[in-house]
Amino acid sequence: MEAPLDEKYLKGLALLKERQYKDALEILRPYRNINTAICYLSLDYNASALDVLKDLKQTPEVLYLQAVALLRREEKESAAKLLMASIEADADMSFKAALDPEMEPLMEECGLL
């Protein structure tokens, strides 16, 4: 008997937390939410992450994740705009970005470091 969807989703979140990204993605893919996007990013599937993120409410967190994906695709100008929008929406996002080594060059380029 198949487990209810909510139990599957919780299993997917547990796998994500355990950094078992491929297994988590198999469960979370149909949900197309921020956790699905995080799985894609964790596997460096940046185009797939962007595809999910574009359909989500543009919260500071979603904007930040879009900036990460675009930076990885070497779309620095677009990434910088989204990073700045994320920080404008929530100043705490600058602290998150400052702690992310991947974002450090972009933070410097934007004059935030």
Protein backbone atom coordinates (compact mmCIF):
# COMPACT_ATOMS: atom_id res chain seq x y z
CA MET A 1 0.00 0.00 0.00
CA GLU A 2 1.32 3.44 -0.96
CA ALA A 3 1.96 5.97 1.82
CA PRO A 4 -0.18 9.14 1.85
CA LEU A 5 1.34 12.10 0.03
CA ASP A 6 2.02 14.05 3.21
CA GLU A 7 4.11 11.17 4.55
CA LYS A 8 6.00 10.98 1.26
CA TYR A 9 6.64 14.71 1.37
CA LEU A 10 7.93 14.48 4.93
CA LYS A 11 10.22 11.63 3.85
CA GLY A 12 11.49 13.85 1.02
CA LEU A 13 12.21 16.65 3.49
CA ALA A 14 14.05 14.22 5.77
CA LEU A 15 16.19 13.04 2.84
CA LEU A 16 16.89 16.66 1.91
CA LYS A 17 17.99 17.38 5.46
CA GLU A 18 20.24 14.31 5.33
CA ARG A 19 21.73 15.67 2.07
CA GLN A 20 20.50 12.69 0.09
CA TYR A 21 19.52 15.03 -2.71
CA LYS A 22 18.85 12.56 -5.52
CA ASP A 23 16.54 10.47 -3.36
CA ALA A 24 14.85 13.59 -2.00
CA LEU A 25 14.33 14.95 -5.48
CA GLU A 26 12.57 11.79 -6.61
CA ILE A 27 9.96 12.46 -3.91
CA LEU A 28 9.84 16.26 -4.00
CA ARG A 29 9.89 16.79 -7.80
CA PRO A 30 6.08 16.73 -8.23
CA TYR A 31 5.54 19.35 -5.53
CA ARG A 32 7.48 22.07 -7.42
CA ASN A 33 8.06 24.19 -4.34
CA ILE A 34 11.05 25.82 -2.69
CA ASN A 35 12.28 22.49 -1.35
CA THR A 36 12.22 21.03 -4.85
CA ALA A 37 14.28 24.00 -6.04
CA ILE A 38 16.77 23.50 -3.20
CA CYS A 39 17.20 19.87 -4.26
CA TYR A 40 17.84 20.94 -7.83
CA LEU A 41 20.37 23.55 -6.70
CA SER A 42 22.08 21.05 -4.44
CA LEU A 43 22.55 18.79 -7.44
CA ASP A 44 23.70 21.75 -9.57
CA TYR A 45 20.61 21.46 -11.80
CA ASN A 46 20.35 25.22 -12.00
CA ALA A 47 18.04 25.47 -15.01
CA SER A 48 15.56 23.12 -13.36
CA ALA A 49 15.76 25.11 -10.13
CA LEU A 50 15.04 28.33 -12.03
CA ASP A 51 12.09 26.67 -13.76
CA VAL A 52 10.54 25.88 -10.37
CA LEU A 53 11.47 29.18 -8.74
CA LYS A 54 9.91 31.32 -11.50
CA ASP A 55 6.48 29.94 -10.62
CA LEU A 56 6.73 30.60 -6.88
CA LYS A 57 5.76 33.71 -4.97
CA GLN A 58 8.77 36.02 -5.22
CA THR A 59 9.73 36.04 -1.54
CA PRO A 60 13.19 37.20 -0.43
CA GLU A 61 14.26 33.56 -0.15
CA VAL A 62 13.05 32.70 -3.64
CA LEU A 63 14.78 35.77 -5.08
CA TYR A 64 18.00 34.76 -3.32
CA LEU A 65 17.86 31.21 -4.69
CA GLN A 66 17.23 32.58 -8.18
CA ALA A 67 20.32 34.77 -7.75
CA VAL A 68 22.37 31.71 -6.77
CA ALA A 69 21.19 29.75 -9.82
CA LEU A 70 21.82 32.67 -12.18
CA LEU A 71 25.27 33.30 -10.73
CA ARG A 72 26.15 29.66 -11.37
CA ARG A 73 25.01 30.15 -14.96
CA GLU A 74 27.33 33.16 -15.15
CA GLU A 75 24.42 35.55 -15.55
CA LYS A 76 25.96 38.01 -13.09
CA GLU A 77 23.91 41.09 -13.94
CA SER A 78 20.59 39.29 -13.48
CA ALA A 79 21.91 37.57 -10.36
CA ALA A 80 22.96 40.92 -8.88
CA LYS A 81 19.52 42.42 -9.52
CA LEU A 82 17.80 39.51 -7.81
CA LEU A 83 20.22 39.55 -4.89
CA MET A 84 19.59 43.27 -4.39
CA ALA A 85 15.81 42.73 -4.64
CA SER A 86 16.07 39.97 -2.04
CA ILE A 87 17.99 42.23 0.34
CA GLU A 88 15.62 45.16 -0.28
CA ALA A 89 12.69 42.92 0.63
CA ASP A 90 14.43 41.55 3.73
CA ALA A 91 17.64 43.12 5.06
CA ASP A 92 18.52 39.85 6.81
CA MET A 93 19.20 38.30 3.42
CA SER A 94 22.45 40.30 3.29
CA PHE A 95 23.66 38.33 6.33
CA LYS A 96 22.75 35.06 4.62
CA ALA A 97 24.59 36.10 1.46
CA ALA A 98 27.61 37.27 3.45
CA LEU A 99 27.90 33.79 4.98
CA ASP A 100 27.65 32.07 1.59
CA PRO A 101 31.12 31.75 0.00
CA GLU A 102 29.51 31.25 -3.40
CA MET A 103 27.85 34.67 -3.16
CA GLU A 104 30.88 36.57 -1.84
CA PRO A 105 32.10 37.80 -5.26
CA LEU A 106 28.62 39.03 -6.13
CA MET A 107 28.29 40.72 -2.75
CA GLU A 108 31.58 42.52 -3.40
CA GLU A 109 30.48 43.48 -6.90
CA CYS A 110 27.25 44.95 -5.50
CA GLY A 111 29.23 46.91 -2.89
CA LEU A 112 27.75 44.95 0.00
CA LEU A 113 31.06 43.72 1.45
